[in-house]
Amino acid sequence: MYDPIKAWTKRDRKINRAGYVLIKVPEHPKNFKGWYYEHRLVIEKQLNRVIEDWETIHHINKDKSDNRLINLFICSRLEHNKAHKE
């Protein structure tokens, strides 16, 4: 069973072309080439579980690099699309 990562401040990080912060976490079960989204790590730490495939994270202030918990909202893809239309 996977235990959510609690600290990643000393890990390699980069920003992808879409503006999302990526963290080097090769041990994460959903990593891609060893990288994973920081905003997902923040929510997973809070929930103490891996995010389900149907769940997505919305950045409330639309700043994809602002991964403070207060700026993140877990929702379905349908809710996420609706939030971007408003």
PDB file of N, CA and C in Angstrom:
ATOM      1  N   MET A   1       0.840  -1.196   0.000  1.00  0.00           N
ATOM      2  CA  MET A   1       0.000   0.000   0.000  1.00  0.00           C
ATOM      3  C   MET A   1       0.876   1.248   0.000  1.00  0.00           C
ATOM      4  N   TYR A   2       0.491   2.234  -0.772  1.00  0.00           N
ATOM      5  CA  TYR A   2       1.242   3.481  -0.894  1.00  0.00           C
ATOM      6  C   TYR A   2       0.858   4.444   0.212  1.00  0.00           C
ATOM      7  N   ASP A   3       1.854   5.042   0.826  1.00  0.00           N
ATOM      8  CA  ASP A   3       1.664   6.048   1.862  1.00  0.00           C
ATOM      9  C   ASP A   3       1.935   7.416   1.241  1.00  0.00           C
ATOM     10  N   PRO A   4       0.989   8.364   1.263  1.00  0.00           N
ATOM     11  CA  PRO A   4       1.231   9.679   0.653  1.00  0.00           C
ATOM     12  C   PRO A   4       2.495  10.349   1.187  1.00  0.00           C
ATOM     13  N   ILE A   5       3.189  11.019   0.293  1.00  0.00           N
ATOM     14  CA  ILE A   5       4.422  11.721   0.635  1.00  0.00           C
ATOM     15  C   ILE A   5       4.065  12.940   1.485  1.00  0.00           C
ATOM     16  N   LYS A   6       4.749  13.102   2.598  1.00  0.00           N
ATOM     17  CA  LYS A   6       4.438  14.191   3.532  1.00  0.00           C
ATOM     18  C   LYS A   6       5.319  15.418   3.340  1.00  0.00           C
ATOM     19  N   ALA A   7       6.518  15.233   2.782  1.00  0.00           N
ATOM     20  CA  ALA A   7       7.434  16.367   2.598  1.00  0.00           C
ATOM     21  C   ALA A   7       8.187  16.201   1.288  1.00  0.00           C
ATOM     22  N   TRP A   8       8.259  17.252   0.516  1.00  0.00           N
ATOM     23  CA  TRP A   8       8.948  17.191  -0.775  1.00  0.00           C
ATOM     24  C   TRP A   8       9.733  18.464  -1.064  1.00  0.00           C
ATOM     25  N   THR A   9       9.965  19.300  -0.046  1.00  0.00           N
ATOM     26  CA  THR A   9      10.636  20.583  -0.269  1.00  0.00           C
ATOM     27  C   THR A   9      12.080  20.424  -0.745  1.00  0.00           C
ATOM     28  N   LYS A  10      12.743  19.331  -0.412  1.00  0.00           N
ATOM     29  CA  LYS A  10      14.140  19.151  -0.784  1.00  0.00           C
ATOM     30  C   LYS A  10      14.298  18.320  -2.058  1.00  0.00           C
ATOM     31  N   ARG A  11      13.208  18.099  -2.749  1.00  0.00           N
ATOM     32  CA  ARG A  11      13.251  17.315  -3.982  1.00  0.00           C
ATOM     33  C   ARG A  11      13.380  18.229  -5.195  1.00  0.00           C
ATOM     34  N   ASP A  12      13.825  17.631  -6.298  1.00  0.00           N
ATOM     35  CA  ASP A  12      13.905  18.389  -7.550  1.00  0.00           C
ATOM     36  C   ASP A  12      12.507  18.830  -7.956  1.00  0.00           C
ATOM     37  N   ARG A  13      12.422  20.005  -8.547  1.00  0.00           N
ATOM     38  CA  ARG A  13      11.143  20.547  -9.003  1.00  0.00           C
ATOM     39  C   ARG A  13      11.361  21.289 -10.308  1.00  0.00           C
ATOM     40  N   LYS A  14      10.302  21.359 -11.079  1.00  0.00           N
ATOM     41  CA  LYS A  14      10.348  22.121 -12.328  1.00  0.00           C
ATOM     42  C   LYS A  14       8.920  22.543 -12.667  1.00  0.00           C
ATOM     43  N   ILE A  15       8.810  23.485 -13.583  1.00  0.00           N
ATOM     44  CA  ILE A  15       7.500  23.925 -14.049  1.00  0.00           C
ATOM     45  C   ILE A  15       7.355  23.466 -15.494  1.00  0.00           C
ATOM     46  N   ASN A  16       6.246  22.791 -15.782  1.00  0.00           N
ATOM     47  CA  ASN A  16       6.048  22.290 -17.146  1.00  0.00           C
ATOM     48  C   ASN A  16       5.514  23.392 -18.056  1.00  0.00           C
ATOM     49  N   ARG A  17       5.334  23.085 -19.312  1.00  0.00           N
ATOM     50  CA  ARG A  17       4.897  24.086 -20.291  1.00  0.00           C
ATOM     51  C   ARG A  17       3.524  24.658 -19.977  1.00  0.00           C
ATOM     52  N   ALA A  18       2.693  23.878 -19.302  1.00  0.00           N
ATOM     53  CA  ALA A  18       1.344  24.339 -18.950  1.00  0.00           C
ATOM     54  C   ALA A  18       1.350  25.212 -17.701  1.00  0.00           C
ATOM     55  N   GLY A  19       2.488  25.316 -17.009  1.00  0.00           N
ATOM     56  CA  GLY A  19       2.595  26.163 -15.826  1.00  0.00           C
ATOM     57  C   GLY A  19       2.426  25.446 -14.503  1.00  0.00           C
ATOM     58  N   TYR A  20       2.320  24.113 -14.529  1.00  0.00           N
ATOM     59  CA  TYR A  20       2.168  23.342 -13.295  1.00  0.00           C
ATOM     60  C   TYR A  20       3.528  23.001 -12.698  1.00  0.00           C
ATOM     61  N   VAL A  21       3.619  23.004 -11.363  1.00  0.00           N
ATOM     62  CA  VAL A  21       4.843  22.624 -10.669  1.00  0.00           C
ATOM     63  C   VAL A  21       4.889  21.104 -10.577  1.00  0.00           C
ATOM     64  N   LEU A  22       6.009  20.534 -11.017  1.00  0.00           N
ATOM     65  CA  LEU A  22       6.229  19.098 -10.949  1.00  0.00           C
ATOM     66  C   LEU A  22       7.325  18.811  -9.927  1.00  0.00           C
ATOM     67  N   ILE A  23       7.155  17.732  -9.185  1.00  0.00           N
ATOM     68  CA  ILE A  23       8.110  17.310  -8.159  1.00  0.00           C
ATOM     69  C   ILE A  23       8.632  15.934  -8.527  1.00  0.00           C
ATOM     70  N   LYS A  24       9.920  15.697  -8.317  1.00  0.00           N
ATOM     71  CA  LYS A  24      10.537  14.400  -8.595  1.00  0.00           C
ATOM     72  C   LYS A  24      10.161  13.431  -7.472  1.00  0.00           C
ATOM     73  N   VAL A  25       9.238  12.525  -7.761  1.00  0.00           N
ATOM     74  CA  VAL A  25       8.774  11.524  -6.790  1.00  0.00           C
ATOM     75  C   VAL A  25       8.611  10.173  -7.504  1.00  0.00           C
ATOM     76  N   PRO A  26       9.736   9.517  -7.829  1.00  0.00           N
ATOM     77  CA  PRO A  26       9.650   8.257  -8.571  1.00  0.00           C
ATOM     78  C   PRO A  26       8.900   7.149  -7.828  1.00  0.00           C
ATOM     79  N   GLU A  27       8.750   7.276  -6.521  1.00  0.00           N
ATOM     80  CA  GLU A  27       8.045   6.260  -5.748  1.00  0.00           C
ATOM     81  C   GLU A  27       6.526   6.413  -5.791  1.00  0.00           C
ATOM     82  N   HIS A  28       6.045   7.504  -6.356  1.00  0.00           N
ATOM     83  CA  HIS A  28       4.596   7.704  -6.427  1.00  0.00           C
ATOM     84  C   HIS A  28       4.005   6.772  -7.479  1.00  0.00           C
ATOM     85  N   PRO A  29       2.902   6.091  -7.160  1.00  0.00           N
ATOM     86  CA  PRO A  29       2.329   5.116  -8.101  1.00  0.00           C
ATOM     87  C   PRO A  29       1.797   5.725  -9.398  1.00  0.00           C
ATOM     88  N   LYS A  30       1.534   7.019  -9.419  1.00  0.00           N
ATOM     89  CA  LYS A  30       1.011   7.658 -10.632  1.00  0.00           C
ATOM     90  C   LYS A  30       2.016   8.617 -11.264  1.00  0.00           C
ATOM     91  N   ASN A  31       3.293   8.446 -10.952  1.00  0.00           N
ATOM     92  CA  ASN A  31       4.303   9.345 -11.513  1.00  0.00           C
ATOM     93  C   ASN A  31       4.429   9.117 -13.022  1.00  0.00           C
ATOM     94  N   PHE A  32       4.918  10.115 -13.718  1.00  0.00           N
ATOM     95  CA  PHE A  32       5.228   9.980 -15.129  1.00  0.00           C
ATOM     96  C   PHE A  32       6.686  10.360 -15.310  1.00  0.00           C
ATOM     97  N   LYS A  33       7.471   9.357 -15.671  1.00  0.00           N
ATOM     98  CA  LYS A  33       8.929   9.496 -15.805  1.00  0.00           C
ATOM     99  C   LYS A  33       9.545  10.036 -14.520  1.00  0.00           C
ATOM    100  N   GLY A  34       8.963   9.670 -13.369  1.00  0.00           N
ATOM    101  CA  GLY A  34       9.490  10.066 -12.065  1.00  0.00           C
ATOM    102  C   GLY A  34       8.924  11.358 -11.519  1.00  0.00           C
ATOM    103  N   TRP A  35       8.089  12.064 -12.275  1.00  0.00           N
ATOM    104  CA  TRP A  35       7.540  13.358 -11.875  1.00  0.00           C
ATOM    105  C   TRP A  35       6.058  13.259 -11.562  1.00  0.00           C
ATOM    106  N   TYR A  36       5.589  14.169 -10.697  1.00  0.00           N
ATOM    107  CA  TYR A  36       4.172  14.202 -10.326  1.00  0.00           C
ATOM    108  C   TYR A  36       3.815  15.639  -9.956  1.00  0.00           C
ATOM    109  N   TYR A  37       2.561  15.984 -10.130  1.00  0.00           N
ATOM    110  CA  TYR A  37       2.093  17.345  -9.866  1.00  0.00           C
ATOM    111  C   TYR A  37       2.108  17.687  -8.373  1.00  0.00           C
ATOM    112  N   GLU A  38       2.672  18.850  -8.050  1.00  0.00           N
ATOM    113  CA  GLU A  38       2.727  19.281  -6.658  1.00  0.00           C
ATOM    114  C   GLU A  38       1.329  19.508  -6.084  1.00  0.00           C
ATOM    115  N   HIS A  39       0.401  20.075  -6.856  1.00  0.00           N
ATOM    116  CA  HIS A  39      -0.929  20.344  -6.321  1.00  0.00           C
ATOM    117  C   HIS A  39      -1.631  19.041  -5.922  1.00  0.00           C
ATOM    118  N   ARG A  40      -1.352  17.968  -6.629  1.00  0.00           N
ATOM    119  CA  ARG A  40      -1.924  16.671  -6.258  1.00  0.00           C
ATOM    120  C   ARG A  40      -1.282  16.138  -4.974  1.00  0.00           C
ATOM    121  N   LEU A  41       0.024  16.355  -4.824  1.00  0.00           N
ATOM    122  CA  LEU A  41       0.704  15.941  -3.593  1.00  0.00           C
ATOM    123  C   LEU A  41       0.131  16.670  -2.377  1.00  0.00           C
ATOM    124  N   VAL A  42      -0.164  17.957  -2.546  1.00  0.00           N
ATOM    125  CA  VAL A  42      -0.728  18.758  -1.450  1.00  0.00           C
ATOM    126  C   VAL A  42      -2.063  18.175  -1.002  1.00  0.00           C
ATOM    127  N   ILE A  43      -2.932  17.876  -1.960  1.00  0.00           N
ATOM    128  CA  ILE A  43      -4.250  17.326  -1.635  1.00  0.00           C
ATOM    129  C   ILE A  43      -4.131  15.912  -1.078  1.00  0.00           C
ATOM    130  N   GLU A  44      -3.265  15.104  -1.664  1.00  0.00           N
ATOM    131  CA  GLU A  44      -3.085  13.732  -1.177  1.00  0.00           C
ATOM    132  C   GLU A  44      -2.574  13.716   0.265  1.00  0.00           C
ATOM    133  N   LYS A  45      -1.701  14.644   0.582  1.00  0.00           N
ATOM    134  CA  LYS A  45      -1.208  14.746   1.966  1.00  0.00           C
ATOM    135  C   LYS A  45      -2.368  15.069   2.900  1.00  0.00           C
ATOM    136  N   GLN A  46      -3.226  15.995   2.494  1.00  0.00           N
ATOM    137  CA  GLN A  46      -4.370  16.400   3.311  1.00  0.00           C
ATOM    138  C   GLN A  46      -5.364  15.250   3.488  1.00  0.00           C
ATOM    139  N   LEU A  47      -5.641  14.526   2.411  1.00  0.00           N
ATOM    140  CA  LEU A  47      -6.619  13.434   2.446  1.00  0.00           C
ATOM    141  C   LEU A  47      -6.028  12.118   2.961  1.00  0.00           C
ATOM    142  N   ASN A  48      -4.712  12.039   2.976  1.00  0.00           N
ATOM    143  CA  ASN A  48      -3.980  10.832   3.369  1.00  0.00           C
ATOM    144  C   ASN A  48      -4.313   9.651   2.445  1.00  0.00           C
ATOM    145  N   ARG A  49      -4.430   9.968   1.154  1.00  0.00           N
ATOM    146  CA  ARG A  49      -4.687   8.928   0.140  1.00  0.00           C
ATOM    147  C   ARG A  49      -4.332   9.476  -1.240  1.00  0.00           C
ATOM    148  N   VAL A  50      -4.164   8.570  -2.172  1.00  0.00           N
ATOM    149  CA  VAL A  50      -3.910   8.958  -3.558  1.00  0.00           C
ATOM    150  C   VAL A  50      -5.223   9.424  -4.185  1.00  0.00           C
ATOM    151  N   ILE A  51      -5.158  10.424  -5.014  1.00  0.00           N
ATOM    152  CA  ILE A  51      -6.338  10.945  -5.696  1.00  0.00           C
ATOM    153  C   ILE A  51      -6.844   9.895  -6.685  1.00  0.00           C
ATOM    154  N   GLU A  52      -8.142   9.734  -6.713  1.00  0.00           N
ATOM    155  CA  GLU A  52      -8.776   8.782  -7.624  1.00  0.00           C
ATOM    156  C   GLU A  52      -8.698   9.315  -9.061  1.00  0.00           C
ATOM    157  N   ASP A  53      -8.841   8.417 -10.031  1.00  0.00           N
ATOM    158  CA  ASP A  53      -8.757   8.816 -11.439  1.00  0.00           C
ATOM    159  C   ASP A  53      -9.848   9.804 -11.832  1.00  0.00           C
ATOM    160  N   TRP A  54     -11.006   9.717 -11.215  1.00  0.00           N
ATOM    161  CA  TRP A  54     -12.123  10.598 -11.569  1.00  0.00           C
ATOM    162  C   TRP A  54     -12.015  11.969 -10.895  1.00  0.00           C
ATOM    163  N   GLU A  55     -11.111  12.112  -9.945  1.00  0.00           N
ATOM    164  CA  GLU A  55     -10.954  13.374  -9.214  1.00  0.00           C
ATOM    165  C   GLU A  55      -9.930  14.270  -9.911  1.00  0.00           C
ATOM    166  N   THR A  56     -10.147  15.548  -9.819  1.00  0.00           N
ATOM    167  CA  THR A  56      -9.195  16.524 -10.328  1.00  0.00           C
ATOM    168  C   THR A  56      -9.085  17.667  -9.325  1.00  0.00           C
ATOM    169  N   ILE A  57      -8.073  18.503  -9.504  1.00  0.00           N
ATOM    170  CA  ILE A  57      -7.833  19.611  -8.582  1.00  0.00           C
ATOM    171  C   ILE A  57      -7.983  20.922  -9.338  1.00  0.00           C
ATOM    172  N   HIS A  58      -8.741  21.827  -8.762  1.00  0.00           N
ATOM    173  CA  HIS A  58      -8.947  23.152  -9.343  1.00  0.00           C
ATOM    174  C   HIS A  58      -8.148  24.179  -8.546  1.00  0.00           C
ATOM    175  N   HIS A  59      -7.411  25.026  -9.256  1.00  0.00           N
ATOM    176  CA  HIS A  59      -6.717  26.154  -8.627  1.00  0.00           C
ATOM    177  C   HIS A  59      -7.707  27.315  -8.603  1.00  0.00           C
ATOM    178  N   ILE A  60      -8.156  27.679  -7.436  1.00  0.00           N
ATOM    179  CA  ILE A  60      -9.216  28.678  -7.279  1.00  0.00           C
ATOM    180  C   ILE A  60      -8.835  30.012  -7.924  1.00  0.00           C
ATOM    181  N   ASN A  61      -7.603  30.465  -7.695  1.00  0.00           N
ATOM    182  CA  ASN A  61      -7.193  31.760  -8.256  1.00  0.00           C
ATOM    183  C   ASN A  61      -6.615  31.636  -9.672  1.00  0.00           C
ATOM    184  N   LYS A  62      -6.701  30.429 -10.231  1.00  0.00           N
ATOM    185  CA  LYS A  62      -6.254  30.123 -11.597  1.00  0.00           C
ATOM    186  C   LYS A  62      -4.738  30.213 -11.802  1.00  0.00           C
ATOM    187  N   ASP A  63      -3.984  30.397 -10.716  1.00  0.00           N
ATOM    188  CA  ASP A  63      -2.522  30.397 -10.783  1.00  0.00           C
ATOM    189  C   ASP A  63      -2.051  28.965 -10.549  1.00  0.00           C
ATOM    190  N   LYS A  64      -1.617  28.299 -11.609  1.00  0.00           N
ATOM    191  CA  LYS A  64      -1.256  26.885 -11.547  1.00  0.00           C
ATOM    192  C   LYS A  64      -0.018  26.611 -10.701  1.00  0.00           C
ATOM    193  N   SER A  65       0.732  27.638 -10.368  1.00  0.00           N
ATOM    194  CA  SER A  65       1.910  27.445  -9.523  1.00  0.00           C
ATOM    195  C   SER A  65       1.628  27.759  -8.050  1.00  0.00           C
ATOM    196  N   ASP A  66       0.425  28.208  -7.749  1.00  0.00           N
ATOM    197  CA  ASP A  66       0.032  28.520  -6.367  1.00  0.00           C
ATOM    198  C   ASP A  66      -0.613  27.277  -5.757  1.00  0.00           C
ATOM    199  N   ASN A  67       0.197  26.477  -5.101  1.00  0.00           N
ATOM    200  CA  ASN A  67      -0.259  25.194  -4.579  1.00  0.00           C
ATOM    201  C   ASN A  67      -0.509  25.195  -3.075  1.00  0.00           C
ATOM    202  N   ARG A  68      -0.868  26.364  -2.556  1.00  0.00           N
ATOM    203  CA  ARG A  68      -1.274  26.421  -1.151  1.00  0.00           C
ATOM    204  C   ARG A  68      -2.617  25.697  -1.032  1.00  0.00           C
ATOM    205  N   LEU A  69      -2.798  24.986   0.061  1.00  0.00           N
ATOM    206  CA  LEU A  69      -4.019  24.210   0.284  1.00  0.00           C
ATOM    207  C   LEU A  69      -5.263  25.086   0.146  1.00  0.00           C
ATOM    208  N   ILE A  70      -5.189  26.313   0.620  1.00  0.00           N
ATOM    209  CA  ILE A  70      -6.332  27.227   0.569  1.00  0.00           C
ATOM    210  C   ILE A  70      -6.732  27.572  -0.869  1.00  0.00           C
ATOM    211  N   ASN A  71      -5.839  27.365  -1.827  1.00  0.00           N
ATOM    212  CA  ASN A  71      -6.108  27.679  -3.227  1.00  0.00           C
ATOM    213  C   ASN A  71      -6.551  26.457  -4.041  1.00  0.00           C
ATOM    214  N   LEU A  72      -6.628  25.305  -3.400  1.00  0.00           N
ATOM    215  CA  LEU A  72      -6.937  24.078  -4.133  1.00  0.00           C
ATOM    216  C   LEU A  72      -8.295  23.522  -3.749  1.00  0.00           C
ATOM    217  N   PHE A  73      -9.011  23.021  -4.758  1.00  0.00           N
ATOM    218  CA  PHE A  73     -10.343  22.464  -4.550  1.00  0.00           C
ATOM    219  C   PHE A  73     -10.420  21.135  -5.298  1.00  0.00           C
ATOM    220  N   ILE A  74     -10.717  20.058  -4.583  1.00  0.00           N
ATOM    221  CA  ILE A  74     -10.850  18.753  -5.222  1.00  0.00           C
ATOM    222  C   ILE A  74     -12.272  18.612  -5.753  1.00  0.00           C
ATOM    223  N   CYS A  75     -12.385  18.138  -6.981  1.00  0.00           N
ATOM    224  CA  CYS A  75     -13.698  18.051  -7.618  1.00  0.00           C
ATOM    225  C   CYS A  75     -13.676  17.005  -8.735  1.00  0.00           C
ATOM    226  N   SER A  76     -14.830  16.789  -9.327  1.00  0.00           N
ATOM    227  CA  SER A  76     -14.920  15.921 -10.497  1.00  0.00           C
ATOM    228  C   SER A  76     -14.503  16.732 -11.722  1.00  0.00           C
ATOM    229  N   ARG A  77     -14.266  16.063 -12.826  1.00  0.00           N
ATOM    230  CA  ARG A  77     -13.905  16.763 -14.062  1.00  0.00           C
ATOM    231  C   ARG A  77     -15.052  17.662 -14.534  1.00  0.00           C
ATOM    232  N   LEU A  78     -16.270  17.201 -14.356  1.00  0.00           N
ATOM    233  CA  LEU A  78     -17.429  17.999 -14.737  1.00  0.00           C
ATOM    234  C   LEU A  78     -17.491  19.294 -13.924  1.00  0.00           C
ATOM    235  N   GLU A  79     -17.281  19.176 -12.602  1.00  0.00           N
ATOM    236  CA  GLU A  79     -17.259  20.378 -11.739  1.00  0.00           C
ATOM    237  C   GLU A  79     -16.107  21.301 -12.126  1.00  0.00           C
ATOM    238  N   HIS A  80     -14.972  20.704 -12.468  1.00  0.00           N
ATOM    239  CA  HIS A  80     -13.798  21.482 -12.846  1.00  0.00           C
ATOM    240  C   HIS A  80     -14.064  22.261 -14.129  1.00  0.00           C
ATOM    241  N   ASN A  81     -14.649  21.615 -15.113  1.00  0.00           N
ATOM    242  CA  ASN A  81     -14.995  22.302 -16.367  1.00  0.00           C
ATOM    243  C   ASN A  81     -15.971  23.433 -16.114  1.00  0.00           C
ATOM    244  N   LYS A  82     -16.938  23.186 -15.248  1.00  0.00           N
ATOM    245  CA  LYS A  82     -17.936  24.216 -14.907  1.00  0.00           C
ATOM    246  C   LYS A  82     -17.269  25.421 -14.228  1.00  0.00           C
ATOM    247  N   ALA A  83     -16.313  25.155 -13.341  1.00  0.00           N
ATOM    248  CA  ALA A  83     -15.597  26.229 -12.636  1.00  0.00           C
ATOM    249  C   ALA A  83     -14.830  27.111 -13.623  1.00  0.00           C
ATOM    250  N   HIS A  84     -14.310  26.521 -14.678  1.00  0.00           N
ATOM    251  CA  HIS A  84     -13.548  27.307 -15.659  1.00  0.00           C
ATOM    252  C   HIS A  84     -14.458  28.098 -16.589  1.00  0.00           C
ATOM    253  N   LYS A  85     -15.697  27.713 -16.711  1.00  0.00           N
ATOM    254  CA  LYS A  85     -16.629  28.458 -17.549  1.00  0.00           C
ATOM    255  C   LYS A  85     -17.152  29.704 -16.855  1.00  0.00           C
ATOM    256  N   GLU A  86     -17.126  29.703 -15.514  1.00  0.00           N
ATOM    257  CA  GLU A  86     -17.668  30.829 -14.743  1.00  0.00           C
ATOM    258  C   GLU A  86     -16.716  31.999 -14.717  1.00  0.00           C
TER     259      GLU A  86
END
